[in-house]
């Protein structure tokens, strides 16, 4: 099974999650999503794999989010996917994808169930 981490090396949670994965014997494919931004379709796929509220995938503390002039609750699934595709800094990080499942690594231990 291929495991990928959507990684920002400047983020402490992202670094901790990568370290945790390696300690558990998993060497993931690393996607630095700020260097290789996701498409709207890729963001929608992440939403499907993670499940739950699509708003969970969106970082609302970034200036790019404030520039949208909306609240998280005002945004639908398509709006969120478009916003993250246009401004990848808005992607909650890290995201780990393992096969047909994914999890946000906040806290890093949240990805452990994917590694089994």
PDB file of N, CA and C in Angstrom:
ATOM      1  N   UNK A   1       0.844  -1.179   0.000  1.00  0.00           N
ATOM      2  CA  UNK A   1       0.000   0.000   0.000  1.00  0.00           C
ATOM      3  C   UNK A   1       0.892   1.246   0.000  1.00  0.00           C
ATOM      4  N   UNK A   2       0.582   2.165  -0.875  1.00  0.00           N
ATOM      5  CA  UNK A   2       1.319   3.421  -0.940  1.00  0.00           C
ATOM      6  C   UNK A   2       0.777   4.379   0.108  1.00  0.00           C
ATOM      7  N   UNK A   3       1.689   5.010   0.825  1.00  0.00           N
ATOM      8  CA  UNK A   3       1.312   6.006   1.832  1.00  0.00           C
ATOM      9  C   UNK A   3       1.973   7.324   1.452  1.00  0.00           C
ATOM     10  N   UNK A   4       1.177   8.384   1.452  1.00  0.00           N
ATOM     11  CA  UNK A   4       1.662   9.710   1.079  1.00  0.00           C
ATOM     12  C   UNK A   4       1.355  10.691   2.190  1.00  0.00           C
ATOM     13  N   UNK A   5       2.310  11.557   2.481  1.00  0.00           N
ATOM     14  CA  UNK A   5       2.070  12.649   3.417  1.00  0.00           C
ATOM     15  C   UNK A   5       2.091  13.950   2.622  1.00  0.00           C
ATOM     16  N   UNK A   6       1.022  14.720   2.763  1.00  0.00           N
ATOM     17  CA  UNK A   6       0.959  16.066   2.215  1.00  0.00           C
ATOM     18  C   UNK A   6       1.636  16.933   3.267  1.00  0.00           C
ATOM     19  N   UNK A   7       2.845  17.352   2.959  1.00  0.00           N
ATOM     20  CA  UNK A   7       3.789  17.834   3.953  1.00  0.00           C
ATOM     21  C   UNK A   7       4.193  19.285   3.725  1.00  0.00           C
ATOM     22  N   UNK A   8       4.323  20.004   4.836  1.00  0.00           N
ATOM     23  CA  UNK A   8       4.937  21.332   4.832  1.00  0.00           C
ATOM     24  C   UNK A   8       6.094  21.252   5.823  1.00  0.00           C
ATOM     25  N   UNK A   9       7.345  21.249   5.339  1.00  0.00           N
ATOM     26  CA  UNK A   9       8.477  21.069   6.243  1.00  0.00           C
ATOM     27  C   UNK A   9       8.639  22.181   7.277  1.00  0.00           C
ATOM     28  N   UNK A  10       7.974  23.307   7.084  1.00  0.00           N
ATOM     29  CA  UNK A  10       8.058  24.399   8.052  1.00  0.00           C
ATOM     30  C   UNK A  10       7.071  24.237   9.208  1.00  0.00           C
ATOM     31  N   UNK A  11       6.172  23.255   9.096  1.00  0.00           N
ATOM     32  CA  UNK A  11       5.137  23.036  10.109  1.00  0.00           C
ATOM     33  C   UNK A  11       5.599  21.968  11.107  1.00  0.00           C
ATOM     34  N   UNK A  12       5.555  22.298  12.382  1.00  0.00           N
ATOM     35  CA  UNK A  12       6.010  21.352  13.408  1.00  0.00           C
ATOM     36  C   UNK A  12       5.143  20.098  13.438  1.00  0.00           C
ATOM     37  N   UNK A  13       3.820  20.220  13.295  1.00  0.00           N
ATOM     38  CA  UNK A  13       2.943  19.031  13.308  1.00  0.00           C
ATOM     39  C   UNK A  13       3.238  18.132  12.112  1.00  0.00           C
ATOM     40  N   UNK A  14       3.539  18.756  10.982  1.00  0.00           N
ATOM     41  CA  UNK A  14       3.866  17.978   9.794  1.00  0.00           C
ATOM     42  C   UNK A  14       5.176  17.218   9.999  1.00  0.00           C
ATOM     43  N   UNK A  15       6.173  17.870  10.553  1.00  0.00           N
ATOM     44  CA  UNK A  15       7.450  17.204  10.835  1.00  0.00           C
ATOM     45  C   UNK A  15       7.266  16.094  11.862  1.00  0.00           C
ATOM     46  N   UNK A  16       6.462  16.351  12.905  1.00  0.00           N
ATOM     47  CA  UNK A  16       6.227  15.337  13.942  1.00  0.00           C
ATOM     48  C   UNK A  16       5.501  14.129  13.364  1.00  0.00           C
ATOM     49  N   UNK A  17       4.553  14.370  12.483  1.00  0.00           N
ATOM     50  CA  UNK A  17       3.801  13.272  11.873  1.00  0.00           C
ATOM     51  C   UNK A  17       4.720  12.422  10.996  1.00  0.00           C
ATOM     52  N   UNK A  18       5.565  13.064  10.215  1.00  0.00           N
ATOM     53  CA  UNK A  18       6.513  12.334   9.375  1.00  0.00           C
ATOM     54  C   UNK A  18       7.451  11.494  10.243  1.00  0.00           C
ATOM     55  N   UNK A  19       7.932  12.059  11.314  1.00  0.00           N
ATOM     56  CA  UNK A  19       8.815  11.326  12.231  1.00  0.00           C
ATOM     57  C   UNK A  19       8.088  10.131  12.844  1.00  0.00           C
ATOM     58  N   UNK A  20       6.835  10.320  13.260  1.00  0.00           N
ATOM     59  CA  UNK A  20       6.037   9.248  13.843  1.00  0.00           C
ATOM     60  C   UNK A  20       5.836   8.114  12.837  1.00  0.00           C
ATOM     61  N   UNK A  21       5.572   8.474  11.592  1.00  0.00           N
ATOM     62  CA  UNK A  21       5.394   7.458  10.562  1.00  0.00           C
ATOM     63  C   UNK A  21       6.674   6.635  10.396  1.00  0.00           C
ATOM     64  N   UNK A  22       7.790   7.330  10.341  1.00  0.00           N
ATOM     65  CA  UNK A  22       9.070   6.629  10.178  1.00  0.00           C
ATOM     66  C   UNK A  22       9.373   5.739  11.370  1.00  0.00           C
ATOM     67  N   UNK A  23       9.051   6.197  12.573  1.00  0.00           N
ATOM     68  CA  UNK A  23       9.258   5.365  13.775  1.00  0.00           C
ATOM     69  C   UNK A  23       8.402   4.108  13.740  1.00  0.00           C
ATOM     70  N   UNK A  24       7.296   4.167  12.995  1.00  0.00           N
ATOM     71  CA  UNK A  24       6.400   3.021  12.862  1.00  0.00           C
ATOM     72  C   UNK A  24       6.690   2.222  11.598  1.00  0.00           C
ATOM     73  N   UNK A  25       7.867   2.448  11.016  1.00  0.00           N
ATOM     74  CA  UNK A  25       8.298   1.643   9.881  1.00  0.00           C
ATOM     75  C   UNK A  25       7.698   2.019   8.545  1.00  0.00           C
ATOM     76  N   UNK A  26       7.122   3.203   8.439  1.00  0.00           N
ATOM     77  CA  UNK A  26       6.504   3.639   7.184  1.00  0.00           C
ATOM     78  C   UNK A  26       7.334   4.790   6.606  1.00  0.00           C
ATOM     79  N   UNK A  27       7.836   4.579   5.399  1.00  0.00           N
ATOM     80  CA  UNK A  27       8.547   5.646   4.679  1.00  0.00           C
ATOM     81  C   UNK A  27       7.601   6.128   3.581  1.00  0.00           C
ATOM     82  N   UNK A  28       6.894   7.232   3.840  1.00  0.00           N
ATOM     83  CA  UNK A  28       5.880   7.679   2.895  1.00  0.00           C
ATOM     84  C   UNK A  28       6.461   8.428   1.702  1.00  0.00           C
ATOM     85  N   UNK A  29       5.667   8.508   0.659  1.00  0.00           N
ATOM     86  CA  UNK A  29       5.946   9.450  -0.416  1.00  0.00           C
ATOM     87  C   UNK A  29       5.641  10.825   0.155  1.00  0.00           C
ATOM     88  N   UNK A  30       6.536  11.771  -0.043  1.00  0.00           N
ATOM     89  CA  UNK A  30       6.339  13.111   0.509  1.00  0.00           C
ATOM     90  C   UNK A  30       5.897  14.048  -0.602  1.00  0.00           C
ATOM     91  N   UNK A  31       4.758  14.664  -0.405  1.00  0.00           N
ATOM     92  CA  UNK A  31       4.269  15.670  -1.343  1.00  0.00           C
ATOM     93  C   UNK A  31       4.299  17.015  -0.645  1.00  0.00           C
ATOM     94  N   UNK A  32       5.227  17.853  -1.049  1.00  0.00           N
ATOM     95  CA  UNK A  32       5.264  19.216  -0.518  1.00  0.00           C
ATOM     96  C   UNK A  32       4.242  20.027  -1.303  1.00  0.00           C
ATOM     97  N   UNK A  33       3.046  20.105  -0.756  1.00  0.00           N
ATOM     98  CA  UNK A  33       1.909  20.657  -1.482  1.00  0.00           C
ATOM     99  C   UNK A  33       2.034  22.154  -1.766  1.00  0.00           C
ATOM    100  N   UNK A  34       2.930  22.855  -1.067  1.00  0.00           N
ATOM    101  CA  UNK A  34       3.139  24.267  -1.400  1.00  0.00           C
ATOM    102  C   UNK A  34       3.978  24.393  -2.680  1.00  0.00           C
ATOM    103  N   UNK A  35       4.828  23.386  -2.939  1.00  0.00           N
ATOM    104  CA  UNK A  35       5.630  23.370  -4.166  1.00  0.00           C
ATOM    105  C   UNK A  35       4.856  22.743  -5.327  1.00  0.00           C
ATOM    106  N   UNK A  36       4.009  21.769  -5.002  1.00  0.00           N
ATOM    107  CA  UNK A  36       3.187  21.078  -5.996  1.00  0.00           C
ATOM    108  C   UNK A  36       1.734  21.181  -5.539  1.00  0.00           C
ATOM    109  N   UNK A  37       1.088  22.328  -5.816  1.00  0.00           N
ATOM    110  CA  UNK A  37      -0.269  22.549  -5.319  1.00  0.00           C
ATOM    111  C   UNK A  37      -1.278  21.528  -5.860  1.00  0.00           C
ATOM    112  N   UNK A  38      -2.269  21.219  -5.042  1.00  0.00           N
ATOM    113  CA  UNK A  38      -3.300  20.272  -5.477  1.00  0.00           C
ATOM    114  C   UNK A  38      -4.299  20.946  -6.418  1.00  0.00           C
ATOM    115  N   UNK A  39      -4.894  20.127  -7.255  1.00  0.00           N
ATOM    116  CA  UNK A  39      -6.004  20.608  -8.084  1.00  0.00           C
ATOM    117  C   UNK A  39      -7.276  20.581  -7.235  1.00  0.00           C
ATOM    118  N   UNK A  40      -8.313  21.209  -7.733  1.00  0.00           N
ATOM    119  CA  UNK A  40      -9.614  21.175  -7.057  1.00  0.00           C
ATOM    120  C   UNK A  40     -10.073  19.720  -6.907  1.00  0.00           C
ATOM    121  N   UNK A  41      -9.886  18.921  -7.947  1.00  0.00           N
ATOM    122  CA  UNK A  41     -10.292  17.504  -7.895  1.00  0.00           C
ATOM    123  C   UNK A  41      -9.507  16.734  -6.831  1.00  0.00           C
ATOM    124  N   UNK A  42      -8.222  17.016  -6.691  1.00  0.00           N
ATOM    125  CA  UNK A  42      -7.423  16.344  -5.660  1.00  0.00           C
ATOM    126  C   UNK A  42      -7.903  16.722  -4.264  1.00  0.00           C
ATOM    127  N   UNK A  43      -8.258  17.984  -4.073  1.00  0.00           N
ATOM    128  CA  UNK A  43      -8.771  18.415  -2.765  1.00  0.00           C
ATOM    129  C   UNK A  43     -10.099  17.722  -2.478  1.00  0.00           C
ATOM    130  N   UNK A  44     -10.947  17.627  -3.486  1.00  0.00           N
ATOM    131  CA  UNK A  44     -12.235  16.944  -3.293  1.00  0.00           C
ATOM    132  C   UNK A  44     -12.013  15.470  -2.949  1.00  0.00           C
ATOM    133  N   UNK A  45     -11.013  14.842  -3.557  1.00  0.00           N
ATOM    134  CA  UNK A  45     -10.701  13.440  -3.235  1.00  0.00           C
ATOM    135  C   UNK A  45     -10.234  13.324  -1.785  1.00  0.00           C
ATOM    136  N   UNK A  46      -9.385  14.260  -1.343  1.00  0.00           N
ATOM    137  CA  UNK A  46      -8.955  14.247   0.062  1.00  0.00           C
ATOM    138  C   UNK A  46     -10.165  14.345   0.981  1.00  0.00           C
ATOM    139  N   UNK A  47     -11.115  15.225   0.647  1.00  0.00           N
ATOM    140  CA  UNK A  47     -12.333  15.353   1.458  1.00  0.00           C
ATOM    141  C   UNK A  47     -13.066  14.025   1.544  1.00  0.00           C
ATOM    142  N   UNK A  48     -13.178  13.334   0.403  1.00  0.00           N
ATOM    143  CA  UNK A  48     -13.866  12.032   0.383  1.00  0.00           C
ATOM    144  C   UNK A  48     -13.139  11.011   1.254  1.00  0.00           C
ATOM    145  N   UNK A  49     -11.811  10.981   1.159  1.00  0.00           N
ATOM    146  CA  UNK A  49     -11.032   9.989   1.897  1.00  0.00           C
ATOM    147  C   UNK A  49     -11.049  10.258   3.401  1.00  0.00           C
ATOM    148  N   UNK A  50     -11.035  11.532   3.770  1.00  0.00           N
ATOM    149  CA  UNK A  50     -11.036  11.892   5.196  1.00  0.00           C
ATOM    150  C   UNK A  50     -12.429  11.735   5.792  1.00  0.00           C
ATOM    151  N   UNK A  51     -13.444  12.112   5.023  1.00  0.00           N
ATOM    152  CA  UNK A  51     -14.815  12.067   5.524  1.00  0.00           C
ATOM    153  C   UNK A  51     -15.064  13.208   6.490  1.00  0.00           C
ATOM    154  N   UNK A  52     -16.223  13.221   7.080  1.00  0.00           N
ATOM    155  CA  UNK A  52     -16.542  14.269   8.049  1.00  0.00           C
ATOM    156  C   UNK A  52     -16.798  15.608   7.387  1.00  0.00           C
ATOM    157  N   UNK A  53     -16.591  16.653   8.139  1.00  0.00           N
ATOM    158  CA  UNK A  53     -16.868  18.013   7.692  1.00  0.00           C
ATOM    159  C   UNK A  53     -15.743  18.511   6.789  1.00  0.00           C
ATOM    160  N   UNK A  54     -16.043  18.898   5.547  1.00  0.00           N
ATOM    161  CA  UNK A  54     -15.007  19.416   4.649  1.00  0.00           C
ATOM    162  C   UNK A  54     -14.273  20.636   5.221  1.00  0.00           C
ATOM    163  N   UNK A  55     -14.920  21.374   6.107  1.00  0.00           N
ATOM    164  CA  UNK A  55     -14.288  22.547   6.730  1.00  0.00           C
ATOM    165  C   UNK A  55     -13.047  22.165   7.530  1.00  0.00           C
ATOM    166  N   UNK A  56     -12.981  20.918   7.980  1.00  0.00           N
ATOM    167  CA  UNK A  56     -11.827  20.468   8.761  1.00  0.00           C
ATOM    168  C   UNK A  56     -10.528  20.537   7.960  1.00  0.00           C
ATOM    169  N   UNK A  57     -10.640  20.525   6.642  1.00  0.00           N
ATOM    170  CA  UNK A  57      -9.470  20.537   5.776  1.00  0.00           C
ATOM    171  C   UNK A  57      -8.940  21.957   5.535  1.00  0.00           C
ATOM    172  N   UNK A  58      -9.648  22.948   6.050  1.00  0.00           N
ATOM    173  CA  UNK A  58      -9.354  24.347   5.755  1.00  0.00           C
ATOM    174  C   UNK A  58      -8.755  25.067   6.953  1.00  0.00           C
ATOM    175  N   UNK A  59      -7.619  25.719   6.728  1.00  0.00           N
ATOM    176  CA  UNK A  59      -6.971  26.537   7.764  1.00  0.00           C
ATOM    177  C   UNK A  59      -7.558  27.944   7.675  1.00  0.00           C
ATOM    178  N   UNK A  60      -8.227  28.368   8.724  1.00  0.00           N
ATOM    179  CA  UNK A  60      -8.892  29.678   8.667  1.00  0.00           C
ATOM    180  C   UNK A  60      -8.098  30.803   9.334  1.00  0.00           C
ATOM    181  N   UNK A  61      -6.892  30.514   9.810  1.00  0.00           N
ATOM    182  CA  UNK A  61      -6.088  31.544  10.448  1.00  0.00           C
ATOM    183  C   UNK A  61      -5.119  32.250   9.501  1.00  0.00           C
ATOM    184  N   UNK A  62      -5.088  31.809   8.255  1.00  0.00           N
ATOM    185  CA  UNK A  62      -4.148  32.366   7.282  1.00  0.00           C
ATOM    186  C   UNK A  62      -4.701  33.649   6.654  1.00  0.00           C
ATOM    187  N   UNK A  63      -3.821  34.598   6.302  1.00  0.00           N
ATOM    188  CA  UNK A  63      -4.274  35.833   5.641  1.00  0.00           C
ATOM    189  C   UNK A  63      -5.075  35.556   4.364  1.00  0.00           C
ATOM    190  N   UNK A  64      -4.710  34.492   3.635  1.00  0.00           N
ATOM    191  CA  UNK A  64      -5.438  34.143   2.407  1.00  0.00           C
ATOM    192  C   UNK A  64      -6.889  33.773   2.702  1.00  0.00           C
ATOM    193  N   UNK A  65      -7.121  33.185   3.894  1.00  0.00           N
ATOM    194  CA  UNK A  65      -8.500  32.873   4.262  1.00  0.00           C
ATOM    195  C   UNK A  65      -9.247  34.160   4.608  1.00  0.00           C
ATOM    196  N   UNK A  66      -8.607  35.019   5.377  1.00  0.00           N
ATOM    197  CA  UNK A  66      -9.240  36.291   5.757  1.00  0.00           C
ATOM    198  C   UNK A  66      -9.629  37.084   4.509  1.00  0.00           C
ATOM    199  N   UNK A  67      -8.787  37.009   3.457  1.00  0.00           N
ATOM    200  CA  UNK A  67      -9.049  37.738   2.219  1.00  0.00           C
ATOM    201  C   UNK A  67     -10.316  37.243   1.512  1.00  0.00           C
ATOM    202  N   UNK A  68     -10.737  36.017   1.801  1.00  0.00           N
ATOM    203  CA  UNK A  68     -11.971  35.501   1.211  1.00  0.00           C
ATOM    204  C   UNK A  68     -13.191  36.251   1.735  1.00  0.00           C
ATOM    205  N   UNK A  69     -13.054  36.823   2.946  1.00  0.00           N
ATOM    206  CA  UNK A  69     -14.154  37.593   3.530  1.00  0.00           C
ATOM    207  C   UNK A  69     -15.348  36.754   3.942  1.00  0.00           C
ATOM    208  N   UNK A  70     -15.117  35.501   4.248  1.00  0.00           N
ATOM    209  CA  UNK A  70     -16.221  34.599   4.632  1.00  0.00           C
ATOM    210  C   UNK A  70     -15.833  33.813   5.866  1.00  0.00           C
ATOM    211  N   UNK A  71     -16.837  33.217   6.487  1.00  0.00           N
ATOM    212  CA  UNK A  71     -16.613  32.288   7.595  1.00  0.00           C
ATOM    213  C   UNK A  71     -16.551  30.879   7.023  1.00  0.00           C
ATOM    214  N   UNK A  72     -15.883  30.004   7.757  1.00  0.00           N
ATOM    215  CA  UNK A  72     -15.825  28.604   7.321  1.00  0.00           C
ATOM    216  C   UNK A  72     -17.221  28.051   7.045  1.00  0.00           C
ATOM    217  N   UNK A  73     -18.145  28.380   7.918  1.00  0.00           N
ATOM    218  CA  UNK A  73     -19.496  27.830   7.806  1.00  0.00           C
ATOM    219  C   UNK A  73     -20.248  28.354   6.581  1.00  0.00           C
ATOM    220  N   UNK A  74     -19.754  29.441   5.975  1.00  0.00           N
ATOM    221  CA  UNK A  74     -20.383  29.986   4.765  1.00  0.00           C
ATOM    222  C   UNK A  74     -19.941  29.244   3.510  1.00  0.00           C
ATOM    223  N   UNK A  75     -18.899  28.421   3.641  1.00  0.00           N
ATOM    224  CA  UNK A  75     -18.310  27.772   2.474  1.00  0.00           C
ATOM    225  C   UNK A  75     -18.785  26.337   2.325  1.00  0.00           C
ATOM    226  N   UNK A  76     -19.171  25.999   1.124  1.00  0.00           N
ATOM    227  CA  UNK A  76     -19.541  24.623   0.821  1.00  0.00           C
ATOM    228  C   UNK A  76     -18.324  23.843   0.359  1.00  0.00           C
ATOM    229  N   UNK A  77     -18.531  22.601   0.096  1.00  0.00           N
ATOM    230  CA  UNK A  77     -17.466  21.686  -0.328  1.00  0.00           C
ATOM    231  C   UNK A  77     -16.710  22.202  -1.557  1.00  0.00           C
ATOM    232  N   UNK A  78     -17.435  22.648  -2.580  1.00  0.00           N
ATOM    233  CA  UNK A  78     -16.800  23.139  -3.810  1.00  0.00           C
ATOM    234  C   UNK A  78     -16.012  24.410  -3.529  1.00  0.00           C
ATOM    235  N   UNK A  79     -16.577  25.304  -2.714  1.00  0.00           N
ATOM    236  CA  UNK A  79     -15.881  26.552  -2.350  1.00  0.00           C
ATOM    237  C   UNK A  79     -14.558  26.244  -1.644  1.00  0.00           C
ATOM    238  N   UNK A  80     -14.593  25.288  -0.738  1.00  0.00           N
ATOM    239  CA  UNK A  80     -13.387  24.913   0.019  1.00  0.00           C
ATOM    240  C   UNK A  80     -12.339  24.337  -0.929  1.00  0.00           C
ATOM    241  N   UNK A  81     -12.757  23.446  -1.811  1.00  0.00           N
ATOM    242  CA  UNK A  81     -11.822  22.843  -2.766  1.00  0.00           C
ATOM    243  C   UNK A  81     -11.198  23.909  -3.667  1.00  0.00           C
ATOM    244  N   UNK A  82     -11.999  24.844  -4.139  1.00  0.00           N
ATOM    245  CA  UNK A  82     -11.477  25.922  -4.993  1.00  0.00           C
ATOM    246  C   UNK A  82     -10.498  26.797  -4.220  1.00  0.00           C
ATOM    247  N   UNK A  83     -10.836  27.129  -2.983  1.00  0.00           N
ATOM    248  CA  UNK A  83      -9.977  28.000  -2.168  1.00  0.00           C
ATOM    249  C   UNK A  83      -8.620  27.340  -1.913  1.00  0.00           C
ATOM    250  N   UNK A  84      -8.623  26.052  -1.560  1.00  0.00           N
ATOM    251  CA  UNK A  84      -7.358  25.348  -1.290  1.00  0.00           C
ATOM    252  C   UNK A  84      -6.549  25.190  -2.573  1.00  0.00           C
ATOM    253  N   UNK A  85      -7.211  24.901  -3.689  1.00  0.00           N
ATOM    254  CA  UNK A  85      -6.493  24.769  -4.963  1.00  0.00           C
ATOM    255  C   UNK A  85      -5.842  26.103  -5.354  1.00  0.00           C
ATOM    256  N   UNK A  86      -6.534  27.199  -5.091  1.00  0.00           N
ATOM    257  CA  UNK A  86      -6.001  28.525  -5.432  1.00  0.00           C
ATOM    258  C   UNK A  86      -4.935  28.987  -4.443  1.00  0.00           C
ATOM    259  N   UNK A  87      -5.091  28.593  -3.175  1.00  0.00           N
ATOM    260  CA  UNK A  87      -4.185  29.017  -2.099  1.00  0.00           C
ATOM    261  C   UNK A  87      -3.832  27.792  -1.252  1.00  0.00           C
ATOM    262  N   UNK A  88      -2.861  26.979  -1.677  1.00  0.00           N
ATOM    263  CA  UNK A  88      -2.566  25.724  -0.971  1.00  0.00           C
ATOM    264  C   UNK A  88      -2.174  25.903   0.494  1.00  0.00           C
ATOM    265  N   UNK A  89      -1.758  27.103   0.881  1.00  0.00           N
ATOM    266  CA  UNK A  89      -1.431  27.355   2.296  1.00  0.00           C
ATOM    267  C   UNK A  89      -2.661  27.124   3.179  1.00  0.00           C
ATOM    268  N   UNK A  90      -3.844  27.137   2.578  1.00  0.00           N
ATOM    269  CA  UNK A  90      -5.083  26.939   3.341  1.00  0.00           C
ATOM    270  C   UNK A  90      -5.355  25.477   3.684  1.00  0.00           C
ATOM    271  N   UNK A  91      -4.573  24.548   3.117  1.00  0.00           N
ATOM    272  CA  UNK A  91      -4.768  23.123   3.417  1.00  0.00           C
ATOM    273  C   UNK A  91      -4.306  22.822   4.828  1.00  0.00           C
ATOM    274  N   UNK A  92      -5.196  22.242   5.615  1.00  0.00           N
ATOM    275  CA  UNK A  92      -4.810  21.794   6.966  1.00  0.00           C
ATOM    276  C   UNK A  92      -3.709  20.755   6.811  1.00  0.00           C
ATOM    277  N   UNK A  93      -2.732  20.834   7.644  1.00  0.00           N
ATOM    278  CA  UNK A  93      -1.580  19.959   7.490  1.00  0.00           C
ATOM    279  C   UNK A  93      -1.221  19.281   8.791  1.00  0.00           C
ATOM    280  N   UNK A  94      -0.580  18.160   8.626  1.00  0.00           N
ATOM    281  CA  UNK A  94      -0.382  17.375   7.412  1.00  0.00           C
ATOM    282  C   UNK A  94      -1.591  16.483   7.148  1.00  0.00           C
ATOM    283  N   UNK A  95      -1.690  16.024   5.917  1.00  0.00           N
ATOM    284  CA  UNK A  95      -2.690  15.019   5.563  1.00  0.00           C
ATOM    285  C   UNK A  95      -1.917  13.778   5.138  1.00  0.00           C
ATOM    286  N   UNK A  96      -2.316  12.637   5.675  1.00  0.00           N
ATOM    287  CA  UNK A  96      -1.694  11.362   5.300  1.00  0.00           C
ATOM    288  C   UNK A  96      -2.752  10.527   4.578  1.00  0.00           C
ATOM    289  N   UNK A  97      -2.357  10.031   3.406  1.00  0.00           N
ATOM    290  CA  UNK A  97      -3.233   9.179   2.602  1.00  0.00           C
ATOM    291  C   UNK A  97      -2.594   7.800   2.536  1.00  0.00           C
ATOM    292  N   UNK A  98      -3.372   6.793   2.912  1.00  0.00           N
ATOM    293  CA  UNK A  98      -2.913   5.399   2.864  1.00  0.00           C
ATOM    294  C   UNK A  98      -4.003   4.582   2.191  1.00  0.00           C
ATOM    295  N   UNK A  99      -3.742   4.194   0.959  1.00  0.00           N
ATOM    296  CA  UNK A  99      -4.745   3.434   0.223  1.00  0.00           C
ATOM    297  C   UNK A  99      -5.990   4.270  -0.004  1.00  0.00           C
ATOM    298  N   UNK A 100      -7.124   3.775   0.484  1.00  0.00           N
ATOM    299  CA  UNK A 100      -8.398   4.478   0.286  1.00  0.00           C
ATOM    300  C   UNK A 100      -8.852   5.227   1.534  1.00  0.00           C
ATOM    301  N   UNK A 101      -7.893   5.505   2.424  1.00  0.00           N
ATOM    302  CA  UNK A 101      -8.225   6.242   3.644  1.00  0.00           C
ATOM    303  C   UNK A 101      -7.244   7.386   3.825  1.00  0.00           C
ATOM    304  N   UNK A 102      -7.679   8.400   4.571  1.00  0.00           N
ATOM    305  CA  UNK A 102      -6.797   9.534   4.857  1.00  0.00           C
ATOM    306  C   UNK A 102      -7.158  10.111   6.214  1.00  0.00           C
ATOM    307  N   UNK A 103      -6.197  10.844   6.793  1.00  0.00           N
ATOM    308  CA  UNK A 103      -6.425  11.498   8.084  1.00  0.00           C
ATOM    309  C   UNK A 103      -5.564  12.750   8.153  1.00  0.00           C
ATOM    310  N   UNK A 104      -6.060  13.705   8.916  1.00  0.00           N
ATOM    311  CA  UNK A 104      -5.306  14.920   9.199  1.00  0.00           C
ATOM    312  C   UNK A 104      -4.466  14.636  10.439  1.00  0.00           C
ATOM    313  N   UNK A 105      -3.186  14.936  10.374  1.00  0.00           N
ATOM    314  CA  UNK A 105      -2.266  14.635  11.465  1.00  0.00           C
ATOM    315  C   UNK A 105      -2.259  15.680  12.567  1.00  0.00           C
ATOM    316  N   UNK A 106      -3.408  15.968  13.104  1.00  0.00           N
ATOM    317  CA  UNK A 106      -3.553  16.899  14.232  1.00  0.00           C
ATOM    318  C   UNK A 106      -4.444  16.232  15.257  1.00  0.00           C
ATOM    319  N   UNK A 107      -3.876  15.652  16.262  1.00  0.00           N
ATOM    320  CA  UNK A 107      -2.463  15.492  16.572  1.00  0.00           C
ATOM    321  C   UNK A 107      -1.831  14.446  15.654  1.00  0.00           C
ATOM    322  N   UNK A 108      -0.502  14.386  15.623  1.00  0.00           N
ATOM    323  CA  UNK A 108       0.169  13.415  14.752  1.00  0.00           C
ATOM    324  C   UNK A 108      -0.329  11.983  14.934  1.00  0.00           C
ATOM    325  N   UNK A 109      -0.687  11.621  16.156  1.00  0.00           N
ATOM    326  CA  UNK A 109      -1.156  10.251  16.454  1.00  0.00           C
ATOM    327  C   UNK A 109      -2.442   9.901  15.701  1.00  0.00           C
ATOM    328  N   UNK A 110      -3.134  10.904  15.185  1.00  0.00           N
ATOM    329  CA  UNK A 110      -4.386  10.655  14.454  1.00  0.00           C
ATOM    330  C   UNK A 110      -4.166   9.823  13.187  1.00  0.00           C
ATOM    331  N   UNK A 111      -2.931   9.738  12.717  1.00  0.00           N
ATOM    332  CA  UNK A 111      -2.662   8.965  11.500  1.00  0.00           C
ATOM    333  C   UNK A 111      -2.287   7.516  11.795  1.00  0.00           C
ATOM    334  N   UNK A 112      -2.078   7.172  13.045  1.00  0.00           N
ATOM    335  CA  UNK A 112      -1.603   5.820  13.373  1.00  0.00           C
ATOM    336  C   UNK A 112      -2.537   4.718  12.876  1.00  0.00           C
ATOM    337  N   UNK A 113      -3.842   4.941  12.918  1.00  0.00           N
ATOM    338  CA  UNK A 113      -4.773   3.897  12.480  1.00  0.00           C
ATOM    339  C   UNK A 113      -4.614   3.600  10.983  1.00  0.00           C
ATOM    340  N   UNK A 114      -4.081   4.550  10.214  1.00  0.00           N
ATOM    341  CA  UNK A 114      -3.867   4.326   8.784  1.00  0.00           C
ATOM    342  C   UNK A 114      -2.665   3.429   8.513  1.00  0.00           C
ATOM    343  N   UNK A 115      -1.768   3.349   9.470  1.00  0.00           N
ATOM    344  CA  UNK A 115      -0.498   2.664   9.251  1.00  0.00           C
ATOM    345  C   UNK A 115      -0.569   1.164   9.519  1.00  0.00           C
ATOM    346  N   UNK A 116      -1.711   0.681   9.976  1.00  0.00           N
ATOM    347  CA  UNK A 116      -1.838  -0.736  10.330  1.00  0.00           C
ATOM    348  C   UNK A 116      -2.257  -1.560   9.133  1.00  0.00           C
TER     349      UNK A 116
END
